[in-house]
Each structure stands twice: as C-alpha cells, then as structure tokens.
Amino acid sequence: MFGSKRYNYGRFSREQLQAELGAKKMSGPRAGEEAPDFELSSLEGEEIRLSDYAGEKNVVLTFGSATCPMTAGSIRGLNRLHKKYADKDVEFLFVYVREAHPGDQLPAHRSLDDKTEAAELFREEEDVEVTILLDSLDGEVHRQYGSRPNSTYLIDKSGRVAFRAVWTRPRVVEEALEELLELQEESGKEHGVVRDGEDTSLPRRHSMLHAHRALGRGGPQAVQDFKKAMGTSGRVAVATSRVVEPVRLHPAKAFAAVAITGGVIVGALYAGMKLRQRRLQMRSPYYFPRPRRKKGDTGGYEAVGI
C-alpha cells in the first residue's frame, strides 16, 4: 500500500512516467471481473456508493485531474455523452485523483481540502457536468482501479466490468456503451463484455492539443517538469497546444483575431504602397504638385449653391 506522501508525488519526473506507463499490462479489474465497490463523497456532499447502481444502471467510471492533459482532452467528450445518455440507464461518475502534473500553482494535495479545491477549479474551468467524486488523500479507489491518470471503466448492471480503457477516448467509450446497451436489450442479461473488453491505444493528440491548458493550471514548474520528463515530444506538445488549442476551443474569437490582424496588415501594406507611389511621383520631372487652396477659395470660379 502506498502512503499519501508517496501517492501524491510533488514533482512529475521521468521515473514517475516510467512507473505509470512502463507496465505492459494495466492493473485493476479486467473485463468480466467484479468492479471493486466504494463509497465516496461528491463535490455537492452526497455520499455515493457504486453498488447502489447494481441492477439499475450501467456506470461509466472515469479517473482524472485538473493538471492531466489527457483528462483535459477527453472531458468535453464525456460531457457530450452525459447529455446524450441522460434518459437511458447510464450513470457517469468522475473520480478526482492526485494531480498528474503538480506545480507551484496547483501542488500535490496535502489534505482533502486541497483536493476539493482542485476539483472545484477543474469543474469550473472545464464546465464539467458529470458528477465529480473525491477519492481519499492516499488514492484508495484510484489504486484499486489501476492508478492510471485518465482511465475509464464501463461497469454493467451486474456490477462487473464490461470494458475498460487505459486512456479515456470518448468515441471509443461511446461505441462500447452502445454495444452494451444493445446487448442488454437483445439478450435481457445485465452482463456482457464489449469491444474485446479493453482499449489500450494512446490518444496522442490529447497531449498535443491540450497540454498547455492542463499544465498551465499546475504552473510554470509543472510545464518544465513535463518537458524534461517527456523530452522532445513534451516540448512539441506544449508548443503546439499553446497555438492550436485557442483555435479549437474558441474558433470565433480566433478567426476574429486573424481577421483583425489581417486587416491591419493589409492596411499597412496599402498605406506603404501609396506612400511609395507618392515618392516616385515626386521624383518624376513631370510631377507638379497641386497648390493647396485656402478655405473659401473657389479656384477662380464662383461658388454655386444647390
């Protein structure tokens, strides 16, 4: 068992990266096995027990944190699924765990109050609509389910795992959920293993597109630790997400900024062109500047009113 100090590491390092990703197989319950029961408090203060959904609802159980790029890349998709299946026998639960990339602004949790504040920040900044549960300080539930930064388990009505994803990809979760609901409707059974039970693929674009937003919550130290641990790929991810992410999240603002910038550039080019033309004219031997007229001067002609 890990203590809270070891579980909530203070700095992300290459050693931590290898510890989390080095294992060839994901620990935690596999497809077909019973999902470990737990009881956790939600941000609203409600006590929620996993076994309460047995026989009533399927559960999409996701783990994550505010400083995890993979979580940032998948949470909007989970919100979409939450809305889509609101009137079906599906419950979405998000377990808030340790910070994947702690830093000077959002450090490792030293108390449950720290974890609560981080979870509230995450909910506010990401507009999370899924119910957020607070894991214990030493990650008791997280460790039972494999301790991965952003895994998802699909638990059927029998309380067993029907499918698990090492990394949360909403599209894959949706496909597994659709297959499970169809299987339950056709067979009348509560349990079924779907999509071969597991997805281990790594959604690299989540890191490439959302690293800067998630790491930024941790602070400058979190960004530097990520770059150091990840090497070239980490530096590229931070640089890419810094540029691309604002366009993906706020396309209208991005296009407006481009339009304004483009207008300024075009205006500057046009003004420069006109100035150049004037200078060339002044150099010409055939250039005779027009005399400026004084106010009220009609140039020798009488003013005509209309």
C-alpha atoms as a PDB file:
ATOM      1  CA  MET A   1       0.000   0.000   0.000  1.00  0.00           C
ATOM      2  CA  PHE A   2       1.241   3.485  -0.836  1.00  0.00           C
ATOM      3  CA  GLY A   3       1.145   6.232   1.752  1.00  0.00           C
ATOM      4  CA  SER A   4      -0.327   9.614   0.895  1.00  0.00           C
ATOM      5  CA  LYS A   5       3.141  11.198   0.572  1.00  0.00           C
ATOM      6  CA  ARG A   6       4.293   8.671  -1.995  1.00  0.00           C
ATOM      7  CA  TYR A   7       0.976   8.553  -3.848  1.00  0.00           C
ATOM      8  CA  ASN A   8       0.774  12.346  -4.143  1.00  0.00           C
ATOM      9  CA  TYR A   9       4.194  12.941  -5.676  1.00  0.00           C
ATOM     10  CA  GLY A  10       5.448  16.529  -5.562  1.00  0.00           C
ATOM     11  CA  ARG A  11       7.106  16.632  -8.978  1.00  0.00           C
ATOM     12  CA  PHE A  12       6.458  14.763 -12.207  1.00  0.00           C
ATOM     13  CA  SER A  13       9.626  13.038 -13.406  1.00  0.00           C
ATOM     14  CA  ARG A  14      10.818  10.516 -15.938  1.00  0.00           C
ATOM     15  CA  GLU A  15      10.820   7.916 -13.164  1.00  0.00           C
ATOM     16  CA  GLN A  16       7.156   8.650 -12.498  1.00  0.00           C
ATOM     17  CA  LEU A  17       6.441   8.410 -16.214  1.00  0.00           C
ATOM     18  CA  GLN A  18       8.090   5.007 -16.415  1.00  0.00           C
ATOM     19  CA  ALA A  19       6.284   3.811 -13.300  1.00  0.00           C
ATOM     20  CA  GLU A  20       2.901   4.716 -14.768  1.00  0.00           C
ATOM     21  CA  LEU A  21       3.458   3.759 -18.387  1.00  0.00           C
ATOM     22  CA  GLY A  22       6.217   1.165 -18.134  1.00  0.00           C
ATOM     23  CA  ALA A  23       3.924  -1.685 -17.142  1.00  0.00           C
ATOM     24  CA  LYS A  24       2.868  -3.674 -20.192  1.00  0.00           C
ATOM     25  CA  LYS A  25      -0.497  -4.539 -18.676  1.00  0.00           C
ATOM     26  CA  MET A  26      -2.871  -2.330 -16.769  1.00  0.00           C
ATOM     27  CA  SER A  27      -3.640  -3.422 -13.226  1.00  0.00           C
ATOM     28  CA  GLY A  28      -7.126  -3.173 -11.805  1.00  0.00           C
ATOM     29  CA  PRO A  29     -10.239  -5.217 -12.573  1.00  0.00           C
ATOM     30  CA  ARG A  30     -10.438  -6.698 -16.058  1.00  0.00           C
ATOM     31  CA  ALA A  31     -13.453  -7.215 -18.269  1.00  0.00           C
ATOM     32  CA  GLY A  32     -15.708  -9.865 -16.755  1.00  0.00           C
ATOM     33  CA  GLU A  33     -14.440  -9.282 -13.221  1.00  0.00           C
ATOM     34  CA  GLU A  34     -16.402  -7.659 -10.419  1.00  0.00           C
ATOM     35  CA  ALA A  35     -15.718  -3.933 -10.037  1.00  0.00           C
ATOM     36  CA  PRO A  36     -14.407  -3.068  -6.541  1.00  0.00           C
ATOM     37  CA  ASP A  37     -17.120  -1.358  -4.573  1.00  0.00           C
ATOM     38  CA  PHE A  38     -16.516   2.036  -2.976  1.00  0.00           C
ATOM     39  CA  GLU A  39     -18.271   4.923  -1.288  1.00  0.00           C
ATOM     40  CA  LEU A  40     -17.091   8.470  -1.991  1.00  0.00           C
ATOM     41  CA  SER A  41     -18.412  11.974  -1.439  1.00  0.00           C
ATOM     42  CA  SER A  42     -19.360  14.188  -4.368  1.00  0.00           C
ATOM     43  CA  LEU A  43     -18.487  17.869  -4.565  1.00  0.00           C
ATOM     44  CA  GLU A  44     -22.079  18.524  -3.504  1.00  0.00           C
ATOM     45  CA  GLY A  45     -21.533  16.489  -0.335  1.00  0.00           C
ATOM     46  CA  GLU A  46     -23.619  13.493  -1.379  1.00  0.00           C
ATOM     47  CA  GLU A  47     -22.344  10.034  -0.420  1.00  0.00           C
ATOM     48  CA  ILE A  48     -22.341   7.784  -3.472  1.00  0.00           C
ATOM     49  CA  ARG A  49     -21.760   4.026  -3.394  1.00  0.00           C
ATOM     50  CA  LEU A  50     -21.001   2.162  -6.620  1.00  0.00           C
ATOM     51  CA  SER A  51     -23.044  -0.883  -5.608  1.00  0.00           C
ATOM     52  CA  ASP A  52     -26.178   1.277  -5.334  1.00  0.00           C
ATOM     53  CA  TYR A  53     -26.386   1.210  -9.148  1.00  0.00           C
ATOM     54  CA  ALA A  54     -26.348  -2.588  -9.378  1.00  0.00           C
ATOM     55  CA  GLY A  55     -29.400  -3.880 -11.192  1.00  0.00           C
ATOM     56  CA  GLU A  56     -30.434  -0.325 -12.059  1.00  0.00           C
ATOM     57  CA  LYS A  57     -27.813   1.415 -14.203  1.00  0.00           C
ATOM     58  CA  ASN A  58     -24.617   0.889 -16.122  1.00  0.00           C
ATOM     59  CA  VAL A  59     -21.806   3.121 -14.857  1.00  0.00           C
ATOM     60  CA  VAL A  60     -19.141   4.973 -16.833  1.00  0.00           C
ATOM     61  CA  LEU A  61     -16.389   5.482 -14.258  1.00  0.00           C
ATOM     62  CA  THR A  62     -13.581   7.880 -15.233  1.00  0.00           C
ATOM     63  CA  PHE A  63     -10.473   8.962 -13.335  1.00  0.00           C
ATOM     64  CA  GLY A  64      -8.602  12.233 -13.823  1.00  0.00           C
ATOM     65  CA  SER A  65      -7.295  15.551 -12.508  1.00  0.00           C
ATOM     66  CA  ALA A  66      -7.046  19.226 -13.465  1.00  0.00           C
ATOM     67  CA  THR A  67      -3.381  19.018 -14.475  1.00  0.00           C
ATOM     68  CA  CYS A  68      -3.725  15.948 -16.692  1.00  0.00           C
ATOM     69  CA  PRO A  69      -3.595  16.744 -20.463  1.00  0.00           C
ATOM     70  CA  MET A  70      -5.437  13.506 -21.277  1.00  0.00           C
ATOM     71  CA  THR A  71      -8.249  14.497 -18.914  1.00  0.00           C
ATOM     72  CA  ALA A  72      -8.445  17.951 -20.485  1.00  0.00           C
ATOM     73  CA  GLY A  73      -8.638  16.348 -23.914  1.00  0.00           C
ATOM     74  CA  SER A  74     -11.479  13.986 -23.011  1.00  0.00           C
ATOM     75  CA  ILE A  75     -13.709  15.855 -20.553  1.00  0.00           C
ATOM     76  CA  ARG A  76     -15.745  17.713 -23.174  1.00  0.00           C
ATOM     77  CA  GLY A  77     -16.460  14.431 -24.896  1.00  0.00           C
ATOM     78  CA  LEU A  78     -17.644  12.954 -21.595  1.00  0.00           C
ATOM     79  CA  ASN A  79     -19.935  15.941 -21.094  1.00  0.00           C
ATOM     80  CA  ARG A  80     -21.394  15.244 -24.526  1.00  0.00           C
ATOM     81  CA  LEU A  81     -22.000  11.585 -23.679  1.00  0.00           C
ATOM     82  CA  HIS A  82     -23.518  12.572 -20.348  1.00  0.00           C
ATOM     83  CA  LYS A  83     -26.117  14.655 -22.184  1.00  0.00           C
ATOM     84  CA  LYS A  84     -26.731  12.037 -24.856  1.00  0.00           C
ATOM     85  CA  TYR A  85     -27.474   9.224 -22.385  1.00  0.00           C
ATOM     86  CA  ALA A  86     -29.260  11.317 -19.774  1.00  0.00           C
ATOM     87  CA  ASP A  87     -32.561   9.482 -20.340  1.00  0.00           C
ATOM     88  CA  LYS A  88     -31.047   5.981 -20.503  1.00  0.00           C
ATOM     89  CA  ASP A  89     -29.854   3.524 -17.884  1.00  0.00           C
ATOM     90  CA  VAL A  90     -26.375   5.050 -17.670  1.00  0.00           C
ATOM     91  CA  GLU A  91     -24.667   6.943 -14.851  1.00  0.00           C
ATOM     92  CA  PHE A  92     -21.454   8.935 -15.366  1.00  0.00           C
ATOM     93  CA  LEU A  93     -19.058   9.302 -12.425  1.00  0.00           C
ATOM     94  CA  PHE A  94     -15.734  11.140 -12.421  1.00  0.00           C
ATOM     95  CA  VAL A  95     -13.299  10.290  -9.622  1.00  0.00           C
ATOM     96  CA  TYR A  96     -10.881  13.128  -8.877  1.00  0.00           C
ATOM     97  CA  VAL A  97      -7.437  11.699  -8.105  1.00  0.00           C
ATOM     98  CA  ARG A  98      -3.903  13.030  -7.486  1.00  0.00           C
ATOM     99  CA  GLU A  99      -2.515  15.771  -9.697  1.00  0.00           C
ATOM    100  CA  ALA A 100      -0.830  14.226 -12.715  1.00  0.00           C
ATOM    101  CA  HIS A 101       1.463  17.253 -13.078  1.00  0.00           C
ATOM    102  CA  PRO A 102       1.645  19.176  -9.796  1.00  0.00           C
ATOM    103  CA  GLY A 103       3.383  22.541  -9.802  1.00  0.00           C
ATOM    104  CA  ASP A 104       3.828  25.795  -7.963  1.00  0.00           C
ATOM    105  CA  GLN A 105       0.275  26.986  -8.658  1.00  0.00           C
ATOM    106  CA  LEU A 106      -1.544  23.679  -8.135  1.00  0.00           C
ATOM    107  CA  PRO A 107       0.725  21.498  -5.976  1.00  0.00           C
ATOM    108  CA  ALA A 108       0.308  17.935  -4.779  1.00  0.00           C
ATOM    109  CA  HIS A 109      -2.607  17.506  -2.371  1.00  0.00           C
ATOM    110  CA  ARG A 110      -1.622  17.636   1.282  1.00  0.00           C
ATOM    111  CA  SER A 111      -5.166  17.462   2.586  1.00  0.00           C
ATOM    112  CA  LEU A 112      -8.653  16.572   1.417  1.00  0.00           C
ATOM    113  CA  ASP A 113      -9.400  20.295   1.357  1.00  0.00           C
ATOM    114  CA  ASP A 114      -6.609  20.722  -1.219  1.00  0.00           C
ATOM    115  CA  LYS A 115      -8.145  18.002  -3.362  1.00  0.00           C
ATOM    116  CA  THR A 116     -11.603  19.551  -3.025  1.00  0.00           C
ATOM    117  CA  GLU A 117     -10.344  22.985  -4.138  1.00  0.00           C
ATOM    118  CA  ALA A 118      -8.553  21.441  -7.120  1.00  0.00           C
ATOM    119  CA  ALA A 119     -11.674  19.516  -8.128  1.00  0.00           C
ATOM    120  CA  GLU A 120     -13.810  22.651  -7.881  1.00  0.00           C
ATOM    121  CA  LEU A 121     -11.318  24.548 -10.036  1.00  0.00           C
ATOM    122  CA  PHE A 122     -11.424  21.749 -12.590  1.00  0.00           C
ATOM    123  CA  ARG A 123     -15.231  21.708 -12.650  1.00  0.00           C
ATOM    124  CA  GLU A 124     -15.425  25.474 -13.092  1.00  0.00           C
ATOM    125  CA  GLU A 125     -12.764  25.850 -15.791  1.00  0.00           C
ATOM    126  CA  GLU A 126     -13.887  22.822 -17.815  1.00  0.00           C
ATOM    127  CA  ASP A 127     -17.660  23.234 -17.270  1.00  0.00           C
ATOM    128  CA  VAL A 128     -17.872  19.646 -16.043  1.00  0.00           C
ATOM    129  CA  GLU A 129     -21.409  18.321 -15.891  1.00  0.00           C
ATOM    130  CA  VAL A 130     -20.533  14.785 -14.829  1.00  0.00           C
ATOM    131  CA  THR A 131     -20.787  14.055 -11.089  1.00  0.00           C
ATOM    132  CA  ILE A 132     -17.333  14.522  -9.523  1.00  0.00           C
ATOM    133  CA  LEU A 133     -16.360  12.261  -6.618  1.00  0.00           C
ATOM    134  CA  LEU A 134     -13.409  12.904  -4.306  1.00  0.00           C
ATOM    135  CA  ASP A 135     -11.045   9.998  -3.799  1.00  0.00           C
ATOM    136  CA  SER A 136      -9.269   9.665  -0.453  1.00  0.00           C
ATOM    137  CA  LEU A 137      -5.994  11.513   0.035  1.00  0.00           C
ATOM    138  CA  ASP A 138      -3.949   8.336  -0.487  1.00  0.00           C
ATOM    139  CA  GLY A 139      -5.955   7.353  -3.589  1.00  0.00           C
ATOM    140  CA  GLU A 140      -7.598   4.232  -2.197  1.00  0.00           C
ATOM    141  CA  VAL A 141     -10.125   3.861  -5.025  1.00  0.00           C
ATOM    142  CA  HIS A 142      -7.697   5.033  -7.709  1.00  0.00           C
ATOM    143  CA  ARG A 143      -5.184   2.361  -6.731  1.00  0.00           C
ATOM    144  CA  GLN A 144      -7.858  -0.343  -6.788  1.00  0.00           C
ATOM    145  CA  TYR A 145      -8.592   0.603 -10.386  1.00  0.00           C
ATOM    146  CA  GLY A 146      -5.003   0.671 -11.657  1.00  0.00           C
ATOM    147  CA  SER A 147      -3.762   4.188 -10.751  1.00  0.00           C
ATOM    148  CA  ARG A 148      -3.650   5.373 -14.365  1.00  0.00           C
ATOM    149  CA  PRO A 149      -4.022   9.142 -14.840  1.00  0.00           C
ATOM    150  CA  ASN A 150      -7.109   9.034 -17.069  1.00  0.00           C
ATOM    151  CA  SER A 151      -8.634   5.578 -17.379  1.00  0.00           C
ATOM    152  CA  THR A 152     -12.319   4.742 -17.842  1.00  0.00           C
ATOM    153  CA  TYR A 153     -14.251   1.638 -16.779  1.00  0.00           C
ATOM    154  CA  LEU A 154     -17.652   0.668 -18.139  1.00  0.00           C
ATOM    155  CA  ILE A 155     -19.402  -1.244 -15.379  1.00  0.00           C
ATOM    156  CA  ASP A 156     -22.615  -3.031 -16.329  1.00  0.00           C
ATOM    157  CA  LYS A 157     -25.745  -3.505 -14.255  1.00  0.00           C
ATOM    158  CA  SER A 158     -24.397  -6.716 -12.730  1.00  0.00           C
ATOM    159  CA  GLY A 159     -21.551  -4.762 -11.150  1.00  0.00           C
ATOM    160  CA  ARG A 160     -18.915  -6.331 -13.378  1.00  0.00           C
ATOM    161  CA  VAL A 161     -16.528  -4.655 -15.801  1.00  0.00           C
ATOM    162  CA  ALA A 162     -17.815  -4.829 -19.368  1.00  0.00           C
ATOM    163  CA  PHE A 163     -14.988  -2.738 -20.838  1.00  0.00           C
ATOM    164  CA  ARG A 164     -12.044  -0.639 -19.750  1.00  0.00           C
ATOM    165  CA  ALA A 165      -9.878   1.947 -21.500  1.00  0.00           C
ATOM    166  CA  VAL A 166      -6.348   2.684 -20.333  1.00  0.00           C
ATOM    167  CA  TRP A 167      -6.824   6.222 -21.688  1.00  0.00           C
ATOM    168  CA  THR A 168     -10.220   7.879 -21.988  1.00  0.00           C
ATOM    169  CA  ARG A 169     -11.320   8.332 -25.574  1.00  0.00           C
ATOM    170  CA  PRO A 170     -14.988   9.424 -25.628  1.00  0.00           C
ATOM    171  CA  ARG A 171     -15.632   7.993 -29.089  1.00  0.00           C
ATOM    172  CA  VAL A 172     -14.410   4.548 -28.005  1.00  0.00           C
ATOM    173  CA  VAL A 173     -16.363   4.755 -24.735  1.00  0.00           C
ATOM    174  CA  GLU A 174     -19.484   5.612 -26.730  1.00  0.00           C
ATOM    175  CA  GLU A 175     -19.015   2.632 -29.042  1.00  0.00           C
ATOM    176  CA  ALA A 176     -18.588   0.304 -26.064  1.00  0.00           C
ATOM    177  CA  LEU A 177     -21.639   1.776 -24.355  1.00  0.00           C
ATOM    178  CA  GLU A 178     -23.793   1.407 -27.465  1.00  0.00           C
ATOM    179  CA  GLU A 179     -22.719  -2.205 -27.843  1.00  0.00           C
ATOM    180  CA  LEU A 180     -23.510  -2.942 -24.191  1.00  0.00           C
ATOM    181  CA  LEU A 181     -26.960  -1.335 -24.323  1.00  0.00           C
ATOM    182  CA  GLU A 182     -27.811  -3.221 -27.492  1.00  0.00           C
ATOM    183  CA  LEU A 183     -26.607  -6.486 -25.965  1.00  0.00           C
ATOM    184  CA  GLN A 184     -28.657  -5.946 -22.826  1.00  0.00           C
ATOM    185  CA  GLU A 185     -31.777  -5.114 -24.819  1.00  0.00           C
ATOM    186  CA  GLU A 186     -31.481  -8.126 -27.109  1.00  0.00           C
ATOM    187  CA  SER A 187     -30.457 -10.724 -24.518  1.00  0.00           C
ATOM    188  CA  GLY A 188     -32.195  -9.381 -21.441  1.00  0.00           C
ATOM    189  CA  LYS A 189     -28.998 -10.027 -19.468  1.00  0.00           C
ATOM    190  CA  GLU A 190     -27.251  -7.457 -17.316  1.00  0.00           C
ATOM    191  CA  HIS A 191     -23.670  -8.530 -18.016  1.00  0.00           C
ATOM    192  CA  GLY A 192     -21.671  -8.587 -21.212  1.00  0.00           C
ATOM    193  CA  VAL A 193     -18.096  -7.989 -22.357  1.00  0.00           C
ATOM    194  CA  VAL A 194     -17.921  -5.495 -25.243  1.00  0.00           C
ATOM    195  CA  ARG A 195     -15.214  -4.366 -27.685  1.00  0.00           C
ATOM    196  CA  ASP A 196     -12.979  -7.257 -26.614  1.00  0.00           C
ATOM    197  CA  GLY A 197     -13.014  -5.863 -23.101  1.00  0.00           C
ATOM    198  CA  GLU A 198     -10.189  -3.330 -23.356  1.00  0.00           C
ATOM    199  CA  ASP A 199      -8.713  -0.430 -25.291  1.00  0.00           C
ATOM    200  CA  THR A 200      -5.032   0.335 -24.766  1.00  0.00           C
ATOM    201  CA  SER A 201      -4.483   2.886 -27.531  1.00  0.00           C
ATOM    202  CA  LEU A 202      -2.884   6.208 -26.584  1.00  0.00           C
ATOM    203  CA  PRO A 203      -4.689   9.360 -27.790  1.00  0.00           C
ATOM    204  CA  ARG A 204      -1.544  11.326 -28.571  1.00  0.00           C
ATOM    205  CA  ARG A 205      -3.461  14.274 -29.964  1.00  0.00           C
ATOM    206  CA  HIS A 206      -4.951  14.922 -26.497  1.00  0.00           C
ATOM    207  CA  SER A 207      -1.498  15.799 -25.259  1.00  0.00           C
ATOM    208  CA  MET A 208      -0.618  17.682 -28.433  1.00  0.00           C
ATOM    209  CA  LEU A 209      -3.749  19.820 -28.272  1.00  0.00           C
ATOM    210  CA  HIS A 210      -4.454  20.236 -24.557  1.00  0.00           C
ATOM    211  CA  ALA A 211      -1.116  20.010 -22.713  1.00  0.00           C
ATOM    212  CA  HIS A 212      -0.681  23.757 -22.314  1.00  0.00           C
ATOM    213  CA  ARG A 213      -4.119  24.271 -20.754  1.00  0.00           C
ATOM    214  CA  ALA A 214      -3.775  21.435 -18.240  1.00  0.00           C
ATOM    215  CA  LEU A 215      -0.135  22.067 -17.340  1.00  0.00           C
ATOM    216  CA  GLY A 216      -0.834  25.782 -17.060  1.00  0.00           C
ATOM    217  CA  ARG A 217      -3.088  25.042 -14.123  1.00  0.00           C
ATOM    218  CA  GLY A 218      -0.143  23.407 -12.396  1.00  0.00           C
ATOM    219  CA  GLY A 219       2.091  26.382 -13.134  1.00  0.00           C
ATOM    220  CA  PRO A 220       5.498  27.027 -14.731  1.00  0.00           C
ATOM    221  CA  GLN A 221       7.145  24.252 -12.716  1.00  0.00           C
ATOM    222  CA  ALA A 222       4.623  21.713 -13.999  1.00  0.00           C
ATOM    223  CA  VAL A 223       5.351  22.780 -17.575  1.00  0.00           C
ATOM    224  CA  GLN A 224       9.118  22.474 -17.100  1.00  0.00           C
ATOM    225  CA  ASP A 225       8.839  19.067 -15.405  1.00  0.00           C
ATOM    226  CA  PHE A 226       6.647  17.802 -18.237  1.00  0.00           C
ATOM    227  CA  LYS A 227       9.122  18.959 -20.882  1.00  0.00           C
ATOM    228  CA  LYS A 228      12.045  17.424 -19.019  1.00  0.00           C
ATOM    229  CA  ALA A 229      10.346  14.071 -18.429  1.00  0.00           C
ATOM    230  CA  MET A 230       8.839  13.775 -21.905  1.00  0.00           C
ATOM    231  CA  GLY A 231      11.810  15.128 -23.858  1.00  0.00           C
ATOM    232  CA  THR A 232      11.270  16.352 -27.396  1.00  0.00           C
ATOM    233  CA  SER A 233       7.682  15.108 -27.576  1.00  0.00           C
ATOM    234  CA  GLY A 234       6.852  17.088 -24.438  1.00  0.00           C
ATOM    235  CA  ARG A 235       8.327  20.313 -25.765  1.00  0.00           C
ATOM    236  CA  VAL A 236       6.488  19.873 -29.055  1.00  0.00           C
ATOM    237  CA  ALA A 237       3.202  19.138 -27.255  1.00  0.00           C
ATOM    238  CA  VAL A 238       3.413  22.286 -25.125  1.00  0.00           C
ATOM    239  CA  ALA A 239       4.357  24.489 -28.081  1.00  0.00           C
ATOM    240  CA  THR A 240       1.690  23.006 -30.363  1.00  0.00           C
ATOM    241  CA  SER A 241      -1.135  23.171 -27.830  1.00  0.00           C
ATOM    242  CA  ARG A 242      -0.268  26.777 -26.988  1.00  0.00           C
ATOM    243  CA  VAL A 243      -1.017  27.748 -30.597  1.00  0.00           C
ATOM    244  CA  VAL A 244      -3.682  25.263 -31.701  1.00  0.00           C
ATOM    245  CA  GLU A 245      -5.830  24.941 -28.583  1.00  0.00           C
ATOM    246  CA  PRO A 246      -7.286  28.504 -28.564  1.00  0.00           C
ATOM    247  CA  VAL A 247      -8.493  27.962 -32.127  1.00  0.00           C
ATOM    248  CA  ARG A 248     -10.182  24.669 -31.212  1.00  0.00           C
ATOM    249  CA  LEU A 249     -11.833  25.998 -28.052  1.00  0.00           C
ATOM    250  CA  HIS A 250     -12.820  29.469 -29.329  1.00  0.00           C
ATOM    251  CA  PRO A 251     -12.852  29.363 -33.142  1.00  0.00           C
ATOM    252  CA  ALA A 252     -14.946  32.545 -33.493  1.00  0.00           C
ATOM    253  CA  LYS A 253     -12.521  34.588 -31.386  1.00  0.00           C
ATOM    254  CA  ALA A 254      -9.559  33.086 -33.179  1.00  0.00           C
ATOM    255  CA  PHE A 255     -10.941  33.892 -36.613  1.00  0.00           C
ATOM    256  CA  ALA A 256     -11.865  37.395 -35.470  1.00  0.00           C
ATOM    257  CA  ALA A 257      -8.307  37.923 -34.261  1.00  0.00           C
ATOM    258  CA  VAL A 258      -6.977  36.644 -37.570  1.00  0.00           C
ATOM    259  CA  ALA A 259      -9.335  38.956 -39.451  1.00  0.00           C
ATOM    260  CA  ILE A 260      -8.298  41.983 -37.384  1.00  0.00           C
ATOM    261  CA  THR A 261      -4.632  41.130 -37.730  1.00  0.00           C
ATOM    262  CA  GLY A 262      -5.090  40.566 -41.446  1.00  0.00           C
ATOM    263  CA  GLY A 263      -6.890  43.900 -41.791  1.00  0.00           C
ATOM    264  CA  VAL A 264      -4.082  45.729 -40.020  1.00  0.00           C
ATOM    265  CA  ILE A 265      -1.502  44.055 -42.245  1.00  0.00           C
ATOM    266  CA  VAL A 266      -3.445  44.804 -45.433  1.00  0.00           C
ATOM    267  CA  GLY A 267      -3.962  48.409 -44.307  1.00  0.00           C
ATOM    268  CA  ALA A 268      -0.268  48.809 -43.588  1.00  0.00           C
ATOM    269  CA  LEU A 269       0.657  47.341 -46.973  1.00  0.00           C
ATOM    270  CA  TYR A 270      -1.812  49.635 -48.762  1.00  0.00           C
ATOM    271  CA  ALA A 271      -0.516  52.721 -46.921  1.00  0.00           C
ATOM    272  CA  GLY A 272       3.050  51.728 -47.738  1.00  0.00           C
ATOM    273  CA  MET A 273       2.165  51.250 -51.399  1.00  0.00           C
ATOM    274  CA  LYS A 274       0.515  54.666 -51.629  1.00  0.00           C
ATOM    275  CA  LEU A 275       3.489  56.316 -49.915  1.00  0.00           C
ATOM    276  CA  ARG A 276       5.853  54.623 -52.330  1.00  0.00           C
ATOM    277  CA  GLN A 277       3.767  55.801 -55.292  1.00  0.00           C
ATOM    278  CA  ARG A 278       3.846  59.375 -53.997  1.00  0.00           C
ATOM    279  CA  ARG A 279       7.607  59.305 -53.570  1.00  0.00           C
ATOM    280  CA  LEU A 280       8.077  58.008 -57.109  1.00  0.00           C
ATOM    281  CA  GLN A 281       5.808  60.767 -58.427  1.00  0.00           C
ATOM    282  CA  MET A 282       7.799  63.445 -56.608  1.00  0.00           C
ATOM    283  CA  ARG A 283      10.997  62.160 -58.218  1.00  0.00           C
ATOM    284  CA  SER A 284       9.486  62.425 -61.699  1.00  0.00           C
ATOM    285  CA  PRO A 285      10.466  65.574 -63.752  1.00  0.00           C
ATOM    286  CA  TYR A 286       6.855  65.788 -64.878  1.00  0.00           C
ATOM    287  CA  TYR A 287       5.483  65.973 -61.340  1.00  0.00           C
ATOM    288  CA  PHE A 288       3.927  69.318 -60.447  1.00  0.00           C
ATOM    289  CA  PRO A 289       2.238  69.373 -57.046  1.00  0.00           C
ATOM    290  CA  ARG A 290      -1.161  70.966 -56.914  1.00  0.00           C
ATOM    291  CA  PRO A 291      -1.266  74.207 -54.899  1.00  0.00           C
ATOM    292  CA  ARG A 292      -3.282  73.957 -51.706  1.00  0.00           C
ATOM    293  CA  ARG A 293      -6.426  76.046 -51.669  1.00  0.00           C
ATOM    294  CA  LYS A 294      -7.260  78.253 -48.780  1.00  0.00           C
ATOM    295  CA  LYS A 295     -10.592  77.926 -47.077  1.00  0.00           C
ATOM    296  CA  GLY A 296     -13.243  79.727 -49.133  1.00  0.00           C
ATOM    297  CA  ASP A 297     -11.057  79.756 -52.255  1.00  0.00           C
ATOM    298  CA  THR A 298     -13.028  78.579 -55.296  1.00  0.00           C
ATOM    299  CA  GLY A 299     -10.043  78.493 -57.621  1.00  0.00           C
ATOM    300  CA  GLY A 300     -11.245  81.454 -59.697  1.00  0.00           C
ATOM    301  CA  TYR A 301     -14.775  80.192 -60.095  1.00  0.00           C
ATOM    302  CA  GLU A 302     -17.898  81.417 -58.373  1.00  0.00           C
ATOM    303  CA  ALA A 303     -19.449  79.099 -55.824  1.00  0.00           C
ATOM    304  CA  VAL A 304     -22.670  77.548 -56.997  1.00  0.00           C
ATOM    305  CA  GLY A 305     -25.309  76.527 -54.463  1.00  0.00           C
ATOM    306  CA  ILE A 306     -27.635  73.564 -54.911  1.00  0.00           C
END
